[in-house]
Amino acid sequence: MSLPECSVEQLTQFIGPNATNAEAAAKFICNQFSAVGNKFVDTQYAVDNTYLLFSAYLVFSMQLG
């Protein structure tokens, strides 16, 4: 899963040139997007591993029958 790129230059256009310290605000927003994206990736790995282990458990339990 690839995360969309967040660039300071794009966000400063949306914030506007009259905003006080628009570049710092854009950097903060990009950092928050990166942090949330990393948590989604971690969650994806956890769900994938849980599914794999549960599937292996089902295969082993079917062998008993």
Protein backbone atom coordinates (compact mmCIF):
# COMPACT_ATOMS: atom_id res chain seq x y z
CA MET A 1 0.00 0.00 0.00
CA SER A 2 1.59 3.23 -1.08
CA LEU A 3 0.83 6.42 0.72
CA PRO A 4 0.17 9.64 -1.16
CA GLU A 5 2.99 12.15 -1.10
CA CYS A 6 2.61 15.24 1.05
CA SER A 7 4.72 18.20 -0.01
CA VAL A 8 5.11 21.49 1.76
CA GLU A 9 4.95 23.41 -1.51
CA GLN A 10 1.51 22.05 -2.36
CA LEU A 11 0.09 22.72 1.09
CA THR A 12 1.39 26.28 1.32
CA GLN A 13 -0.63 27.06 -1.80
CA PHE A 14 -3.80 25.96 -0.01
CA ILE A 15 -2.96 27.73 3.23
CA GLY A 16 -2.28 30.96 1.38
CA PRO A 17 0.56 33.48 1.27
CA ASN A 18 -1.05 35.75 3.88
CA ALA A 19 -1.10 33.06 6.58
CA THR A 20 1.41 33.50 9.37
CA ASN A 21 4.14 30.85 9.13
CA ALA A 22 2.37 28.82 6.44
CA GLU A 23 5.45 26.68 5.79
CA ALA A 24 5.63 25.49 9.42
CA ALA A 25 1.91 24.68 9.38
CA ALA A 26 2.35 22.70 6.14
CA LYS A 27 5.28 20.75 7.62
CA PHE A 28 3.21 19.93 10.70
CA ILE A 29 0.31 18.68 8.56
CA CYS A 30 2.64 16.54 6.43
CA ASN A 31 4.20 15.03 9.55
CA GLN A 32 0.76 14.18 10.91
CA PHE A 33 -0.22 12.51 7.63
CA SER A 34 2.99 10.46 7.74
CA ALA A 35 2.34 9.37 11.32
CA VAL A 36 -1.22 8.28 10.53
CA GLY A 37 -0.03 6.48 7.39
CA ASN A 38 2.57 4.56 9.37
CA LYS A 39 -0.08 3.44 11.85
CA PHE A 40 -2.23 2.15 9.00
CA VAL A 41 0.72 0.18 7.62
CA ASP A 42 1.41 -1.31 11.07
CA THR A 43 -2.26 -2.25 11.37
CA GLN A 44 -2.20 -3.86 7.94
CA TYR A 45 0.75 -6.07 8.94
CA ALA A 46 -0.99 -7.08 12.16
CA VAL A 47 -4.20 -8.02 10.34
CA ASP A 48 -2.27 -9.96 7.69
CA ASN A 49 -0.31 -11.92 10.28
CA THR A 50 -3.42 -12.68 12.31
CA TYR A 51 -5.20 -13.96 9.20
CA LEU A 52 -2.21 -16.13 8.29
CA LEU A 53 -1.99 -17.68 11.77
CA PHE A 54 -5.75 -18.28 11.98
CA SER A 55 -5.71 -19.92 8.55
CA ALA A 56 -2.84 -22.18 9.62
CA TYR A 57 -4.80 -23.11 12.75
CA LEU A 58 -7.80 -24.07 10.61
CA VAL A 59 -5.66 -26.26 8.36
CA PHE A 60 -4.14 -28.06 11.34
CA SER A 61 -7.53 -28.56 12.99
CA MET A 62 -8.99 -29.95 9.74
CA GLN A 63 -6.26 -32.58 9.74
CA LEU A 64 -7.67 -33.96 12.99
CA GLY A 65 -11.00 -34.69 11.34
